[in-house]
Amino acid sequence: MEAAERDTTQDWLLPAGSAPPLLSELEQRIDEALIVAKASERAVMAVGDAALDAAQQARRAADIAERATAAVLAAGSSAAADPAVPGRPVEDAALRSFSERADRVVARLLALERRSRRGRPASVAAARRRPGG
């Protein structure tokens, strides 16, 4: 074989733009990806904890509202009787609407709490999409 026909090292070199990354560059990318993944995981856990805290606060508020409603109804049952039908309390449409909405909110929050305890992602948007929610 003649020297002119033989391959040279230059024939086997890749152009600078198409060369694969070095091992050290790959390790650096992996380290960066791990840092981002761990930070994302911490953020998701914080959001989940905040959602659980909000659900507990909402439950406490709903309990307080229920007790307050019961106290108002007990205190005003004799004074708030319907004059047209003796012994029948007057219904307040706004209070009934509020109570129904509060019941739906409590049901959603309980469902979210149950889902988060089972390891499923808890999502307020998912609870809103449920029928009857």
N, C-alpha and C. Protein backbone atom coordinates (compact mmCIF):
# COMPACT_ATOMS: atom_id res chain seq x y z
N MET A 1 0.82 -1.18 0.00
CA MET A 1 0.00 0.00 0.00
C MET A 1 0.87 1.25 0.00
N GLU A 2 0.49 2.14 -0.78
CA GLU A 2 1.27 3.35 -0.86
C GLU A 2 0.88 4.32 0.25
N ALA A 3 1.73 5.18 0.61
CA ALA A 3 1.49 6.14 1.68
C ALA A 3 0.35 7.07 1.35
N ALA A 4 0.13 7.38 0.12
CA ALA A 4 -0.94 8.30 -0.28
C ALA A 4 -2.31 7.65 -0.11
N GLU A 5 -2.38 6.32 -0.21
CA GLU A 5 -3.66 5.63 -0.09
C GLU A 5 -4.03 5.34 1.35
N ARG A 6 -3.12 5.41 2.24
CA ARG A 6 -3.39 5.09 3.64
C ARG A 6 -4.17 6.22 4.30
N ASP A 7 -5.04 5.81 5.27
CA ASP A 7 -5.78 6.80 6.05
C ASP A 7 -4.85 7.50 7.02
N THR A 8 -5.19 8.72 7.30
CA THR A 8 -4.44 9.46 8.31
C THR A 8 -5.37 9.70 9.51
N THR A 9 -4.79 10.11 10.57
CA THR A 9 -5.58 10.40 11.78
C THR A 9 -6.60 11.49 11.50
N GLN A 10 -6.24 12.43 10.69
CA GLN A 10 -7.14 13.54 10.37
C GLN A 10 -8.40 13.04 9.66
N ASP A 11 -8.30 11.94 8.93
CA ASP A 11 -9.47 11.38 8.24
C ASP A 11 -10.52 10.87 9.24
N TRP A 12 -10.10 10.49 10.42
CA TRP A 12 -10.99 9.89 11.41
C TRP A 12 -11.49 10.88 12.45
N LEU A 13 -11.03 12.06 12.46
CA LEU A 13 -11.48 13.06 13.42
C LEU A 13 -12.87 13.59 13.03
N LEU A 14 -13.70 13.76 14.04
CA LEU A 14 -15.04 14.31 13.81
C LEU A 14 -14.97 15.82 13.80
N PRO A 15 -15.84 16.45 13.03
CA PRO A 15 -15.89 17.92 13.09
C PRO A 15 -16.25 18.37 14.50
N ALA A 16 -15.84 19.54 14.87
CA ALA A 16 -16.01 20.04 16.25
C ALA A 16 -17.48 20.06 16.67
N GLY A 17 -18.38 20.40 15.78
CA GLY A 17 -19.80 20.49 16.13
C GLY A 17 -20.49 19.16 16.31
N SER A 18 -19.93 18.07 15.77
CA SER A 18 -20.61 16.78 15.85
C SER A 18 -19.91 15.82 16.81
N ALA A 19 -18.93 16.27 17.52
CA ALA A 19 -18.21 15.41 18.46
C ALA A 19 -19.11 15.13 19.67
N PRO A 20 -19.12 13.89 20.18
CA PRO A 20 -19.93 13.59 21.36
C PRO A 20 -19.35 14.28 22.59
N PRO A 21 -20.19 14.50 23.60
CA PRO A 21 -19.67 15.18 24.79
C PRO A 21 -18.68 14.29 25.54
N LEU A 22 -17.81 14.93 26.26
CA LEU A 22 -16.83 14.21 27.06
C LEU A 22 -17.52 13.62 28.29
N LEU A 23 -16.91 12.63 28.88
CA LEU A 23 -17.47 11.99 30.07
C LEU A 23 -17.65 13.01 31.19
N SER A 24 -16.70 13.90 31.35
CA SER A 24 -16.80 14.92 32.41
C SER A 24 -18.00 15.84 32.16
N GLU A 25 -18.28 16.15 30.87
CA GLU A 25 -19.44 16.98 30.55
C GLU A 25 -20.74 16.24 30.86
N LEU A 26 -20.79 14.94 30.56
CA LEU A 26 -21.97 14.14 30.87
C LEU A 26 -22.20 14.06 32.38
N GLU A 27 -21.13 13.89 33.14
CA GLU A 27 -21.25 13.84 34.60
C GLU A 27 -21.78 15.17 35.14
N GLN A 28 -21.29 16.27 34.56
CA GLN A 28 -21.75 17.58 35.00
C GLN A 28 -23.25 17.76 34.69
N ARG A 29 -23.69 17.32 33.53
CA ARG A 29 -25.11 17.41 33.18
C ARG A 29 -25.96 16.56 34.12
N ILE A 30 -25.48 15.37 34.44
CA ILE A 30 -26.21 14.49 35.36
C ILE A 30 -26.31 15.15 36.74
N ASP A 31 -25.22 15.73 37.21
CA ASP A 31 -25.25 16.41 38.51
C ASP A 31 -26.25 17.56 38.51
N GLU A 32 -26.26 18.33 37.43
CA GLU A 32 -27.22 19.44 37.33
C GLU A 32 -28.66 18.92 37.30
N ALA A 33 -28.89 17.84 36.58
CA ALA A 33 -30.23 17.27 36.51
C ALA A 33 -30.69 16.76 37.88
N LEU A 34 -29.77 16.17 38.63
CA LEU A 34 -30.11 15.70 39.98
C LEU A 34 -30.46 16.86 40.90
N ILE A 35 -29.71 17.94 40.80
CA ILE A 35 -29.98 19.13 41.61
C ILE A 35 -31.37 19.67 41.30
N VAL A 36 -31.69 19.77 40.01
CA VAL A 36 -33.01 20.27 39.61
C VAL A 36 -34.11 19.32 40.07
N ALA A 37 -33.90 18.02 39.93
CA ALA A 37 -34.91 17.04 40.34
C ALA A 37 -35.16 17.11 41.84
N LYS A 38 -34.10 17.22 42.63
CA LYS A 38 -34.26 17.29 44.08
C LYS A 38 -34.96 18.58 44.49
N ALA A 39 -34.63 19.68 43.84
CA ALA A 39 -35.30 20.95 44.15
C ALA A 39 -36.78 20.88 43.78
N SER A 40 -37.08 20.25 42.66
CA SER A 40 -38.48 20.09 42.23
C SER A 40 -39.24 19.23 43.23
N GLU A 41 -38.61 18.17 43.68
CA GLU A 41 -39.26 17.28 44.66
C GLU A 41 -39.55 18.04 45.95
N ARG A 42 -38.60 18.85 46.42
CA ARG A 42 -38.84 19.64 47.63
C ARG A 42 -39.98 20.62 47.43
N ALA A 43 -40.05 21.23 46.25
CA ALA A 43 -41.12 22.19 45.97
C ALA A 43 -42.48 21.49 45.95
N VAL A 44 -42.55 20.33 45.33
CA VAL A 44 -43.81 19.58 45.29
C VAL A 44 -44.24 19.18 46.69
N MET A 45 -43.31 18.75 47.51
CA MET A 45 -43.64 18.37 48.88
C MET A 45 -44.15 19.59 49.66
N ALA A 46 -43.55 20.73 49.44
CA ALA A 46 -44.00 21.95 50.14
C ALA A 46 -45.41 22.32 49.71
N VAL A 47 -45.69 22.21 48.42
CA VAL A 47 -47.04 22.51 47.93
C VAL A 47 -48.05 21.53 48.52
N GLY A 48 -47.68 20.25 48.56
CA GLY A 48 -48.57 19.25 49.14
C GLY A 48 -48.84 19.53 50.61
N ASP A 49 -47.81 19.88 51.36
CA ASP A 49 -47.99 20.21 52.77
C ASP A 49 -48.90 21.42 52.94
N ALA A 50 -48.71 22.42 52.09
CA ALA A 50 -49.55 23.61 52.16
C ALA A 50 -51.01 23.27 51.84
N ALA A 51 -51.22 22.37 50.88
CA ALA A 51 -52.59 21.97 50.54
C ALA A 51 -53.24 21.23 51.70
N LEU A 52 -52.49 20.36 52.35
CA LEU A 52 -53.04 19.64 53.51
C LEU A 52 -53.35 20.60 54.65
N ASP A 53 -52.47 21.58 54.88
CA ASP A 53 -52.74 22.58 55.92
C ASP A 53 -53.99 23.38 55.59
N ALA A 54 -54.14 23.75 54.33
CA ALA A 54 -55.33 24.50 53.91
C ALA A 54 -56.59 23.67 54.10
N ALA A 55 -56.50 22.38 53.81
CA ALA A 55 -57.67 21.51 53.99
C ALA A 55 -58.03 21.41 55.46
N GLN A 56 -57.05 21.30 56.33
CA GLN A 56 -57.33 21.24 57.76
C GLN A 56 -57.93 22.55 58.27
N GLN A 57 -57.42 23.67 57.80
CA GLN A 57 -57.97 24.96 58.20
C GLN A 57 -59.40 25.10 57.71
N ALA A 58 -59.66 24.66 56.48
CA ALA A 58 -61.01 24.74 55.95
C ALA A 58 -61.95 23.85 56.75
N ARG A 59 -61.50 22.68 57.14
CA ARG A 59 -62.33 21.79 57.95
C ARG A 59 -62.65 22.44 59.29
N ARG A 60 -61.63 23.04 59.92
CA ARG A 60 -61.88 23.71 61.21
C ARG A 60 -62.86 24.86 61.03
N ALA A 61 -62.71 25.63 59.95
CA ALA A 61 -63.63 26.74 59.70
C ALA A 61 -65.05 26.23 59.45
N ALA A 62 -65.16 25.13 58.73
CA ALA A 62 -66.49 24.55 58.47
C ALA A 62 -67.12 24.06 59.77
N ASP A 63 -66.31 23.45 60.63
CA ASP A 63 -66.84 23.00 61.93
C ASP A 63 -67.32 24.18 62.77
N ILE A 64 -66.54 25.24 62.79
CA ILE A 64 -66.94 26.44 63.53
C ILE A 64 -68.23 27.01 62.95
N ALA A 65 -68.30 27.05 61.62
CA ALA A 65 -69.51 27.58 60.98
C ALA A 65 -70.72 26.71 61.30
N GLU A 66 -70.53 25.40 61.32
CA GLU A 66 -71.65 24.51 61.66
C GLU A 66 -72.11 24.73 63.09
N ARG A 67 -71.15 24.87 64.01
CA ARG A 67 -71.53 25.10 65.40
C ARG A 67 -72.23 26.45 65.55
N ALA A 68 -71.73 27.46 64.85
CA ALA A 68 -72.36 28.78 64.92
C ALA A 68 -73.77 28.74 64.36
N THR A 69 -73.94 28.04 63.25
CA THR A 69 -75.27 27.91 62.65
C THR A 69 -76.21 27.18 63.60
N ALA A 70 -75.73 26.11 64.22
CA ALA A 70 -76.57 25.37 65.16
C ALA A 70 -76.95 26.24 66.35
N ALA A 71 -75.99 27.04 66.83
CA ALA A 71 -76.28 27.92 67.97
C ALA A 71 -77.30 28.98 67.59
N VAL A 72 -77.16 29.56 66.40
CA VAL A 72 -78.11 30.58 65.94
C VAL A 72 -79.49 29.97 65.77
N LEU A 73 -79.54 28.78 65.17
CA LEU A 73 -80.83 28.13 64.98
C LEU A 73 -81.47 27.76 66.31
N ALA A 74 -80.66 27.29 67.26
CA ALA A 74 -81.20 26.93 68.56
C ALA A 74 -81.68 28.16 69.32
N ALA A 75 -80.93 29.25 69.24
CA ALA A 75 -81.30 30.46 69.96
C ALA A 75 -82.48 31.17 69.32
N GLY A 76 -82.58 31.08 68.01
CA GLY A 76 -83.63 31.84 67.33
C GLY A 76 -84.78 30.99 66.86
N SER A 77 -84.85 29.73 67.25
CA SER A 77 -85.91 28.87 66.72
C SER A 77 -87.29 29.33 67.15
N SER A 78 -87.43 29.82 68.37
CA SER A 78 -88.75 30.27 68.81
C SER A 78 -89.08 31.63 68.21
N ALA A 79 -88.05 32.50 68.05
CA ALA A 79 -88.31 33.84 67.53
C ALA A 79 -88.43 33.85 66.02
N ALA A 80 -87.86 32.85 65.35
CA ALA A 80 -87.85 32.86 63.89
C ALA A 80 -88.89 31.92 63.31
N ALA A 81 -89.96 31.71 64.00
CA ALA A 81 -91.01 30.82 63.49
C ALA A 81 -91.77 31.50 62.37
N ASP A 82 -92.19 30.71 61.41
CA ASP A 82 -92.97 31.20 60.27
C ASP A 82 -94.38 31.51 60.75
N PRO A 83 -94.82 32.77 60.66
CA PRO A 83 -96.15 33.11 61.16
C PRO A 83 -97.26 32.40 60.37
N ALA A 84 -97.00 32.04 59.14
CA ALA A 84 -98.02 31.37 58.35
C ALA A 84 -98.23 29.94 58.81
N VAL A 85 -97.13 29.28 59.21
CA VAL A 85 -97.20 27.90 59.68
C VAL A 85 -96.55 27.84 61.05
N PRO A 86 -97.33 27.78 62.12
CA PRO A 86 -96.75 27.77 63.47
C PRO A 86 -95.79 26.59 63.67
N GLY A 87 -94.66 26.87 64.34
CA GLY A 87 -93.68 25.84 64.63
C GLY A 87 -92.68 25.59 63.51
N ARG A 88 -92.85 26.22 62.38
CA ARG A 88 -91.94 26.03 61.24
C ARG A 88 -90.99 27.22 61.16
N PRO A 89 -89.66 26.99 61.19
CA PRO A 89 -88.72 28.12 61.13
C PRO A 89 -88.71 28.75 59.74
N VAL A 90 -88.44 30.05 59.72
CA VAL A 90 -88.32 30.78 58.46
C VAL A 90 -86.99 30.38 57.81
N GLU A 91 -87.01 30.01 56.53
CA GLU A 91 -85.78 29.62 55.84
C GLU A 91 -85.16 30.83 55.18
N ASP A 92 -83.91 30.99 55.39
CA ASP A 92 -83.15 32.07 54.75
C ASP A 92 -82.44 31.46 53.54
N ALA A 93 -82.80 31.91 52.35
CA ALA A 93 -82.24 31.34 51.11
C ALA A 93 -80.73 31.54 51.05
N ALA A 94 -80.25 32.70 51.48
CA ALA A 94 -78.81 32.97 51.42
C ALA A 94 -78.05 32.04 52.37
N LEU A 95 -78.60 31.82 53.57
CA LEU A 95 -77.95 30.93 54.53
C LEU A 95 -77.97 29.49 54.02
N ARG A 96 -79.06 29.07 53.43
CA ARG A 96 -79.15 27.72 52.90
C ARG A 96 -78.14 27.54 51.76
N SER A 97 -78.04 28.53 50.87
CA SER A 97 -77.09 28.47 49.76
C SER A 97 -75.65 28.40 50.29
N PHE A 98 -75.37 29.22 51.30
CA PHE A 98 -74.04 29.22 51.89
C PHE A 98 -73.73 27.85 52.49
N SER A 99 -74.68 27.29 53.23
CA SER A 99 -74.46 25.99 53.86
C SER A 99 -74.24 24.89 52.83
N GLU A 100 -75.00 24.92 51.75
CA GLU A 100 -74.83 23.92 50.70
C GLU A 100 -73.45 24.03 50.06
N ARG A 101 -73.03 25.26 49.80
CA ARG A 101 -71.71 25.47 49.20
C ARG A 101 -70.61 25.02 50.17
N ALA A 102 -70.78 25.36 51.44
CA ALA A 102 -69.78 24.95 52.44
C ALA A 102 -69.71 23.42 52.51
N ASP A 103 -70.85 22.75 52.42
CA ASP A 103 -70.85 21.29 52.43
C ASP A 103 -70.08 20.73 51.23
N ARG A 104 -70.27 21.35 50.05
CA ARG A 104 -69.55 20.88 48.86
C ARG A 104 -68.04 21.11 49.00
N VAL A 105 -67.66 22.26 49.55
CA VAL A 105 -66.24 22.56 49.74
C VAL A 105 -65.62 21.55 50.71
N VAL A 106 -66.31 21.27 51.80
CA VAL A 106 -65.79 20.31 52.77
C VAL A 106 -65.65 18.94 52.13
N ALA A 107 -66.63 18.53 51.33
CA ALA A 107 -66.54 17.23 50.66
C ALA A 107 -65.35 17.17 49.72
N ARG A 108 -65.09 18.25 48.98
CA ARG A 108 -63.93 18.29 48.08
C ARG A 108 -62.63 18.19 48.86
N LEU A 109 -62.55 18.95 49.94
CA LEU A 109 -61.31 18.95 50.72
C LEU A 109 -61.07 17.58 51.36
N LEU A 110 -62.12 16.94 51.82
CA LEU A 110 -61.96 15.59 52.39
C LEU A 110 -61.50 14.61 51.31
N ALA A 111 -62.05 14.74 50.11
CA ALA A 111 -61.62 13.86 49.01
C ALA A 111 -60.15 14.10 48.68
N LEU A 112 -59.73 15.36 48.67
CA LEU A 112 -58.33 15.67 48.40
C LEU A 112 -57.42 15.09 49.49
N GLU A 113 -57.85 15.20 50.72
CA GLU A 113 -57.05 14.67 51.81
C GLU A 113 -56.93 13.14 51.71
N ARG A 114 -58.04 12.47 51.38
CA ARG A 114 -58.00 11.01 51.23
C ARG A 114 -57.07 10.63 50.09
N ARG A 115 -57.14 11.34 48.97
CA ARG A 115 -56.28 11.03 47.83
C ARG A 115 -54.82 11.24 48.18
N SER A 116 -54.51 12.31 48.90
CA SER A 116 -53.11 12.57 49.23
C SER A 116 -52.58 11.52 50.20
N ARG A 117 -53.43 11.00 51.07
CA ARG A 117 -52.99 9.95 52.00
C ARG A 117 -52.75 8.64 51.27
N ARG A 118 -53.44 8.41 50.14
CA ARG A 118 -53.24 7.19 49.37
C ARG A 118 -52.08 7.32 48.40
N GLY A 119 -51.42 8.46 48.39
CA GLY A 119 -50.26 8.64 47.53
C GLY A 119 -50.60 9.15 46.15
N ARG A 120 -51.84 9.47 45.92
CA ARG A 120 -52.20 10.04 44.61
C ARG A 120 -51.99 11.53 44.66
N PRO A 121 -51.74 12.15 43.51
CA PRO A 121 -51.56 13.60 43.51
C PRO A 121 -52.88 14.29 43.86
N ALA A 122 -52.82 15.17 44.82
CA ALA A 122 -54.02 15.91 45.22
C ALA A 122 -54.11 17.17 44.39
N SER A 123 -55.20 17.35 43.73
CA SER A 123 -55.37 18.49 42.84
C SER A 123 -56.73 19.10 43.04
N VAL A 124 -56.76 20.38 43.34
CA VAL A 124 -58.03 21.07 43.49
C VAL A 124 -58.75 21.09 42.15
N ALA A 125 -57.99 21.26 41.08
CA ALA A 125 -58.61 21.28 39.74
C ALA A 125 -59.27 19.95 39.44
N ALA A 126 -58.65 18.85 39.84
CA ALA A 126 -59.25 17.53 39.60
C ALA A 126 -60.53 17.38 40.41
N ALA A 127 -60.56 17.92 41.63
CA ALA A 127 -61.76 17.84 42.45
C ALA A 127 -62.88 18.67 41.84
N ARG A 128 -62.54 19.78 41.20
CA ARG A 128 -63.56 20.62 40.57
C ARG A 128 -64.19 19.93 39.36
N ARG A 129 -63.40 19.09 38.69
CA ARG A 129 -63.93 18.43 37.49
C ARG A 129 -64.87 17.28 37.81
N ARG A 130 -64.84 16.82 39.07
CA ARG A 130 -65.71 15.72 39.45
C ARG A 130 -67.16 16.14 39.37
N PRO A 131 -68.04 15.24 38.89
CA PRO A 131 -69.45 15.57 38.87
C PRO A 131 -69.97 15.78 40.28
N GLY A 132 -70.86 16.76 40.42
CA GLY A 132 -71.44 17.07 41.71
C GLY A 132 -70.55 17.91 42.58
N GLY A 133 -69.39 18.36 42.05
CA GLY A 133 -68.42 19.12 42.85
C GLY A 133 -68.42 20.54 42.55
